[in-house]
Amino acid sequence: MPSRALDRVRRALPSLPTALLGGLLWAIVMGASALTNLLLAGWETPAKIRLISLLFATGGAIAFPVGLFLARLVSLGRQWEVALAAGLACLLASTIGFTGGLFALQYRSYYAEWHAPAFTITWTFQFVFTVLIALYQFVVLGIRLYFPLGFIALAVAGVWFARRQR
């Protein structure tokens, strides 16, 4: 039984060229989506626009291979519709999750200056609540930066993934 599960995991792993090229393309599109929205909104300073765009691009680069692996793992041997749904759901969840996580780390590093010494009880509470607040802010303010370009790319990537699984 463990060998079947291991074989399934091996078959779900994307090839290195697919993971690297897909990650690069996904990073470009996610960064461009954030950049476009921020420029159209006349947002803050050019340095902050670059930082947020880079954050979205980095999140996309990390998320693509993971999302692709999870989608393949869920949809191996299944119908086209399942592959499409798995591709959409896994790429969406991994992209938002990794980008939100990077945002939370950056947010935490900014506020670390005012926190208690590391690994104390007070520091633990401050760390946990700072990260939770950062994730909340990302959900409220950051996800809109994926509209419409990021979600168009998600639809295209989902169809591409489902066609490859056939």
Protein backbone atom coordinates (compact mmCIF):
# COMPACT_ATOMS: atom_id res chain seq x y z
CA MET A 1 0.00 0.00 0.00
CA PRO A 2 2.73 2.59 0.81
CA SER A 3 4.38 1.89 -2.56
CA ARG A 4 1.11 2.77 -4.37
CA ALA A 5 0.92 6.07 -2.54
CA LEU A 6 4.58 6.78 -3.25
CA ASP A 7 4.05 5.92 -6.93
CA ARG A 8 1.08 8.30 -7.06
CA VAL A 9 3.18 11.09 -5.53
CA ARG A 10 5.97 10.41 -8.05
CA ARG A 11 3.55 10.57 -10.97
CA ALA A 12 2.07 13.82 -9.65
CA LEU A 13 5.43 15.61 -9.52
CA PRO A 14 5.71 18.06 -12.42
CA SER A 15 8.79 17.91 -14.60
CA LEU A 16 11.54 20.37 -13.74
CA PRO A 17 11.14 22.40 -16.97
CA THR A 18 7.37 22.64 -16.46
CA ALA A 19 7.79 23.72 -12.85
CA LEU A 20 10.47 26.30 -13.65
CA LEU A 21 8.93 27.76 -16.80
CA GLY A 22 5.43 27.67 -15.34
CA GLY A 23 6.67 29.28 -12.12
CA LEU A 24 8.40 32.02 -14.10
CA LEU A 25 5.33 32.73 -16.23
CA TRP A 26 3.02 32.60 -13.22
CA ALA A 27 5.33 34.99 -11.34
CA ILE A 28 5.32 37.44 -14.24
CA VAL A 29 1.54 37.40 -14.54
CA MET A 30 0.90 37.70 -10.79
CA GLY A 31 3.42 40.52 -10.47
CA ALA A 32 1.96 42.27 -13.53
CA SER A 33 -1.54 41.93 -12.12
CA ALA A 34 -0.54 43.65 -8.88
CA LEU A 35 1.52 46.25 -10.73
CA THR A 36 -1.32 47.14 -13.08
CA ASN A 37 -3.81 47.56 -10.26
CA LEU A 38 -1.45 49.63 -8.15
CA LEU A 39 -0.50 51.93 -11.03
CA LEU A 40 -4.13 52.43 -12.04
CA ALA A 41 -5.02 53.30 -8.46
CA GLY A 42 -2.17 55.82 -8.21
CA TRP A 43 -0.96 53.95 -5.15
CA GLU A 44 1.71 55.22 -2.72
CA THR A 45 5.28 55.57 -3.92
CA PRO A 46 7.13 53.80 -6.74
CA ALA A 47 9.25 51.93 -4.17
CA LYS A 48 6.15 50.51 -2.45
CA ILE A 49 4.61 49.59 -5.81
CA ARG A 50 7.78 47.68 -6.71
CA LEU A 51 7.80 45.93 -3.33
CA ILE A 52 4.19 44.78 -3.59
CA SER A 53 4.62 43.70 -7.23
CA LEU A 54 7.73 41.74 -6.30
CA LEU A 55 5.90 40.17 -3.37
CA PHE A 56 3.09 38.99 -5.69
CA ALA A 57 5.60 37.74 -8.27
CA THR A 58 7.58 35.82 -5.65
CA GLY A 59 4.40 34.31 -4.21
CA GLY A 60 3.37 33.23 -7.70
CA ALA A 61 6.77 31.71 -8.46
CA ILE A 62 6.70 29.63 -5.29
CA ALA A 63 3.02 28.74 -5.61
CA PHE A 64 2.93 27.45 -9.18
CA PRO A 65 4.96 24.23 -8.75
CA VAL A 66 3.18 23.46 -5.47
CA GLY A 67 -0.27 24.15 -6.91
CA LEU A 68 0.52 22.11 -10.01
CA PHE A 69 1.72 19.18 -7.90
CA LEU A 70 -1.38 19.27 -5.69
CA ALA A 71 -3.70 19.54 -8.70
CA ARG A 72 -2.00 16.58 -10.38
CA LEU A 73 -2.13 14.57 -7.16
CA VAL A 74 -5.88 15.18 -6.78
CA SER A 75 -6.80 14.63 -10.43
CA LEU A 76 -4.63 11.66 -11.51
CA GLY A 77 -6.78 9.25 -13.49
CA ARG A 78 -9.90 11.40 -13.19
CA GLN A 79 -12.12 13.09 -15.76
CA TRP A 80 -11.43 16.41 -17.48
CA GLU A 81 -13.88 18.29 -15.25
CA VAL A 82 -12.15 17.08 -12.10
CA ALA A 83 -8.77 18.10 -13.53
CA LEU A 84 -10.13 21.56 -14.36
CA ALA A 85 -11.58 22.03 -10.88
CA ALA A 86 -8.40 20.71 -9.24
CA GLY A 87 -6.23 23.00 -11.36
CA LEU A 88 -8.30 26.06 -10.54
CA ALA A 89 -8.66 25.31 -6.83
CA CYS A 90 -5.06 24.26 -6.19
CA LEU A 91 -3.46 27.10 -8.15
CA LEU A 92 -5.78 29.63 -6.51
CA ALA A 93 -5.22 28.31 -2.98
CA SER A 94 -1.45 27.98 -3.34
CA THR A 95 -1.05 31.41 -4.95
CA ILE A 96 -3.12 33.20 -2.32
CA GLY A 97 -1.58 31.12 0.47
CA PHE A 98 2.06 31.68 -0.45
CA THR A 99 1.61 35.33 -1.34
CA GLY A 100 -0.35 35.94 1.85
CA GLY A 101 2.33 34.13 3.82
CA LEU A 102 5.07 36.28 2.32
CA PHE A 103 3.00 39.38 3.06
CA ALA A 104 2.60 38.23 6.67
CA LEU A 105 6.35 37.69 7.02
CA GLN A 106 7.09 41.15 5.64
CA TYR A 107 4.42 42.68 7.86
CA ARG A 108 5.84 40.87 10.88
CA SER A 109 9.39 42.00 10.12
CA TYR A 110 8.20 45.61 10.04
CA TYR A 111 6.55 45.37 13.49
CA ALA A 112 9.28 43.21 15.06
CA GLU A 113 11.08 46.32 16.25
CA TRP A 114 8.32 47.04 18.77
CA HIS A 115 7.80 43.47 19.97
CA ALA A 116 9.05 41.80 23.12
CA PRO A 117 12.28 39.76 23.14
CA ALA A 118 12.10 36.63 20.98
CA PHE A 119 10.54 33.41 22.24
CA THR A 120 8.90 34.88 25.31
CA ILE A 121 5.20 34.40 25.99
CA THR A 122 4.50 38.04 25.14
CA TRP A 123 6.49 37.72 21.92
CA THR A 124 4.53 34.58 20.99
CA PHE A 125 1.21 36.40 21.37
CA GLN A 126 2.54 39.38 19.44
CA PHE A 127 3.86 37.12 16.69
CA VAL A 128 0.65 35.12 16.32
CA PHE A 129 -1.65 38.13 16.33
CA THR A 130 0.57 40.16 14.01
CA VAL A 131 0.59 37.32 11.48
CA LEU A 132 -3.19 36.85 11.81
CA ILE A 133 -3.81 40.56 11.29
CA ALA A 134 -1.47 40.55 8.28
CA LEU A 135 -3.33 37.61 6.73
CA TYR A 136 -6.65 39.37 7.35
CA GLN A 137 -5.36 42.54 5.70
CA PHE A 138 -4.08 40.52 2.75
CA VAL A 139 -7.47 38.88 2.28
CA VAL A 140 -9.28 42.23 2.51
CA LEU A 141 -6.84 44.41 0.57
CA GLY A 142 -4.51 42.11 -1.36
CA ILE A 143 -6.76 39.67 -3.17
CA ARG A 144 -8.32 42.46 -5.22
CA LEU A 145 -4.93 42.99 -6.86
CA TYR A 146 -5.50 39.70 -8.72
CA PHE A 147 -8.55 41.16 -10.53
CA PRO A 148 -8.94 40.86 -13.52
CA LEU A 149 -5.55 39.82 -14.93
CA GLY A 150 -4.73 37.19 -12.30
CA PHE A 151 -8.11 35.51 -12.55
CA ILE A 152 -7.97 35.47 -16.34
CA ALA A 153 -4.56 33.79 -16.03
CA LEU A 154 -6.06 31.34 -13.52
CA ALA A 155 -8.78 30.36 -16.00
CA VAL A 156 -6.22 29.89 -18.79
CA ALA A 157 -3.92 27.87 -16.52
CA GLY A 158 -6.85 25.72 -15.36
CA VAL A 159 -7.83 24.86 -18.93
CA TRP A 160 -4.17 24.22 -19.85
CA PHE A 161 -3.82 21.90 -16.88
CA ALA A 162 -7.04 20.00 -17.61
CA ARG A 163 -6.07 19.47 -21.26
CA ARG A 164 -2.65 18.15 -20.26
CA GLN A 165 -4.22 15.65 -17.87
CA ARG A 166 -6.24 13.95 -20.59
